[in-house]
Structure formats: structure tokens, C-alpha cells
Amino acid sequence: MKVPVTLLSLALAGAVFSAMPGGAHYASAEQKAQTAAKETKWQGYVLKIDKEHSTMDIHGGSFPSNDVRKVAYDSSTEWTKLGKPAQQDEVKEGSFLILLGHVDDKGVLQATRIDLRLPR
């Protein structure tokens, strides 16, 4: 009589343990989705603006990077100066920017917001 109770207990314990990794897998997938949805933040100085292709090169990137990075913008990009609405024409070569967006598979930041800051 003791053997069937022990076997039943082991079977139930096995079912509980086999269900636990599945729940952990779903939690990590949810965390990955949140991370993917997060915007990337870059900052740097404008080296070159190409208005024809709606791109610019900046000297910077994720802090403390000093690499030359490419940034793309479009009509949906929000332009601000010190957090307040601004015009795209206010950004010049040499301007210091903080940029938010998503990096594509080519390493180009697709900017959703470009904030002009005062020179340091």
C-alpha cells in the first residue's frame, strides 16, 4: 500500500517540476518583447546632414561611445530643443543632439525624436 502512494507522489511532483520551466520560458519571452519595444538612446555631435536622403552622421552613439553613427529621420520624427517643440532647420553641423529611436539591422538609428541641446 505504501508503494502506490509513493509512486503517486513522485508522479505529481514530476508533473509540477515539468510545468515550472514552461512558465519561466513565457516570462523570458515577455521580457524580450519589452526589451525589443524599448527605444535606443544615442547622443552626439552632428558631423554631416544629408537632407536629400533624410540622414545625418553623428559623432557618438550610446554613451560613452565616440564612433561615427548614421541616423535616419522622416516626417514622423519629432524635433525638439531642450524638450520643447522645435524646427528641423535649427539643427546644424556641430550641434549636440540626444536621439531616441530603434536601430535597424544595418546599424542605422531610425529616429522617433531628435532633441537639440546647447553646446557643452
Protein backbone atom coordinates (compact mmCIF):
# COMPACT_ATOMS: atom_id res chain seq x y z
CA MET A 1 0.00 0.00 0.00
CA LYS A 2 2.89 2.30 0.72
CA VAL A 3 4.45 1.78 -2.74
CA PRO A 4 1.42 3.08 -4.75
CA VAL A 5 1.20 6.22 -2.57
CA THR A 6 4.92 6.88 -3.07
CA LEU A 7 4.61 6.38 -6.84
CA LEU A 8 1.62 8.72 -6.97
CA SER A 9 3.56 11.36 -5.01
CA LEU A 10 6.53 11.07 -7.36
CA ALA A 11 4.29 11.35 -10.42
CA LEU A 12 2.62 14.51 -9.07
CA ALA A 13 5.98 16.03 -8.12
CA GLY A 14 7.29 15.28 -11.61
CA ALA A 15 4.28 16.97 -13.18
CA VAL A 16 4.80 20.08 -11.05
CA PHE A 17 8.51 20.32 -11.88
CA SER A 18 7.95 19.77 -15.59
CA ALA A 19 5.42 22.61 -15.65
CA MET A 20 7.74 25.13 -13.97
CA PRO A 21 10.28 25.63 -16.81
CA GLY A 22 7.43 26.31 -19.24
CA GLY A 23 6.24 29.21 -17.09
CA ALA A 24 9.78 30.55 -16.86
CA HIS A 25 10.03 30.36 -20.66
CA TYR A 26 6.94 32.52 -21.10
CA ALA A 27 8.27 35.09 -18.64
CA SER A 28 11.55 35.41 -20.53
CA ALA A 29 9.69 35.79 -23.84
CA GLU A 30 7.66 38.60 -22.28
CA GLN A 31 10.84 40.28 -21.05
CA LYS A 32 12.36 40.01 -24.53
CA ALA A 33 9.30 41.69 -26.04
CA GLN A 34 9.57 44.56 -23.56
CA THR A 35 13.28 44.97 -24.31
CA ALA A 36 12.63 44.97 -28.05
CA ALA A 37 9.95 47.63 -27.61
CA LYS A 38 12.34 49.90 -25.69
CA GLU A 39 13.77 52.82 -27.59
CA THR A 40 17.51 53.21 -28.05
CA LYS A 41 19.06 56.46 -26.84
CA TRP A 42 22.06 57.94 -28.63
CA GLN A 43 23.79 61.28 -28.19
CA GLY A 44 26.48 63.08 -30.11
CA TYR A 45 27.57 65.93 -32.33
CA VAL A 46 26.32 66.30 -35.89
CA LEU A 47 29.09 65.75 -38.44
CA LYS A 48 27.08 65.85 -41.66
CA ILE A 49 23.43 66.35 -42.63
CA ASP A 50 22.10 64.80 -45.86
CA LYS A 51 18.64 66.35 -46.34
CA GLU A 52 18.16 64.62 -49.70
CA HIS A 53 18.26 61.16 -48.06
CA SER A 54 16.94 62.31 -44.64
CA THR A 55 20.02 61.08 -42.80
CA MET A 56 22.79 62.53 -40.68
CA ASP A 57 26.10 61.32 -39.33
CA ILE A 58 26.84 61.90 -35.67
CA HIS A 59 29.99 61.51 -33.61
CA GLY A 60 28.72 59.49 -30.65
CA GLY A 61 26.06 56.88 -30.05
CA SER A 62 25.21 55.04 -26.85
CA PHE A 63 27.07 56.84 -24.05
CA PRO A 64 30.16 56.80 -23.81
CA SER A 65 30.69 55.90 -27.49
CA ASN A 66 32.67 58.21 -29.79
CA ASP A 67 32.02 56.30 -33.01
CA VAL A 68 30.58 57.80 -36.19
CA ARG A 69 26.96 56.65 -36.44
CA LYS A 70 24.24 57.10 -39.04
CA VAL A 71 20.80 58.40 -38.08
CA ALA A 72 17.73 58.37 -40.34
CA TYR A 73 14.67 60.56 -39.83
CA ASP A 74 11.36 61.03 -41.61
CA SER A 75 8.20 63.11 -41.46
CA SER A 76 7.07 61.37 -38.25
CA THR A 77 10.27 62.28 -36.37
CA GLU A 78 9.60 64.70 -33.50
CA TRP A 79 12.06 67.62 -33.38
CA THR A 80 12.63 69.35 -30.03
CA LYS A 81 15.03 71.83 -28.46
CA LEU A 82 15.67 71.32 -24.75
CA GLY A 83 12.46 69.26 -24.61
CA LYS A 84 10.24 71.89 -26.28
CA PRO A 85 8.96 71.77 -29.88
CA ALA A 86 11.49 72.96 -32.47
CA GLN A 87 12.08 73.06 -36.21
CA GLN A 88 14.33 70.69 -38.11
CA ASP A 89 16.21 73.67 -39.60
CA GLU A 90 17.59 74.55 -36.15
CA VAL A 91 19.88 71.50 -36.26
CA LYS A 92 23.21 72.38 -37.87
CA GLU A 93 26.55 70.64 -38.27
CA GLY A 94 28.29 70.72 -34.90
CA SER A 95 25.00 70.70 -32.92
CA PHE A 96 24.78 68.39 -29.90
CA LEU A 97 21.78 66.04 -30.08
CA ILE A 98 20.03 63.43 -27.97
CA LEU A 99 18.26 60.94 -30.21
CA LEU A 100 15.61 58.29 -29.50
CA GLY A 101 14.59 55.54 -31.87
CA HIS A 102 15.18 51.97 -32.95
CA VAL A 103 18.37 50.61 -34.51
CA ASP A 104 17.73 48.61 -37.67
CA ASP A 105 19.66 45.55 -38.83
CA LYS A 106 22.16 47.79 -40.69
CA GLY A 107 23.05 49.70 -37.50
CA VAL A 108 21.18 52.88 -38.51
CA LEU A 109 19.09 54.57 -35.82
CA GLN A 110 15.58 55.23 -37.14
CA ALA A 111 14.89 58.34 -35.06
CA THR A 112 11.49 58.92 -33.49
CA ARG A 113 12.69 62.00 -31.58
CA ILE A 114 15.66 64.31 -32.05
CA ASP A 115 16.35 66.77 -29.25
CA LEU A 116 18.73 69.68 -29.85
CA ARG A 117 20.82 70.58 -26.80
CA LEU A 118 23.03 73.51 -26.01
CA PRO A 119 26.73 73.03 -26.78
CA ARG A 120 28.78 71.88 -23.83
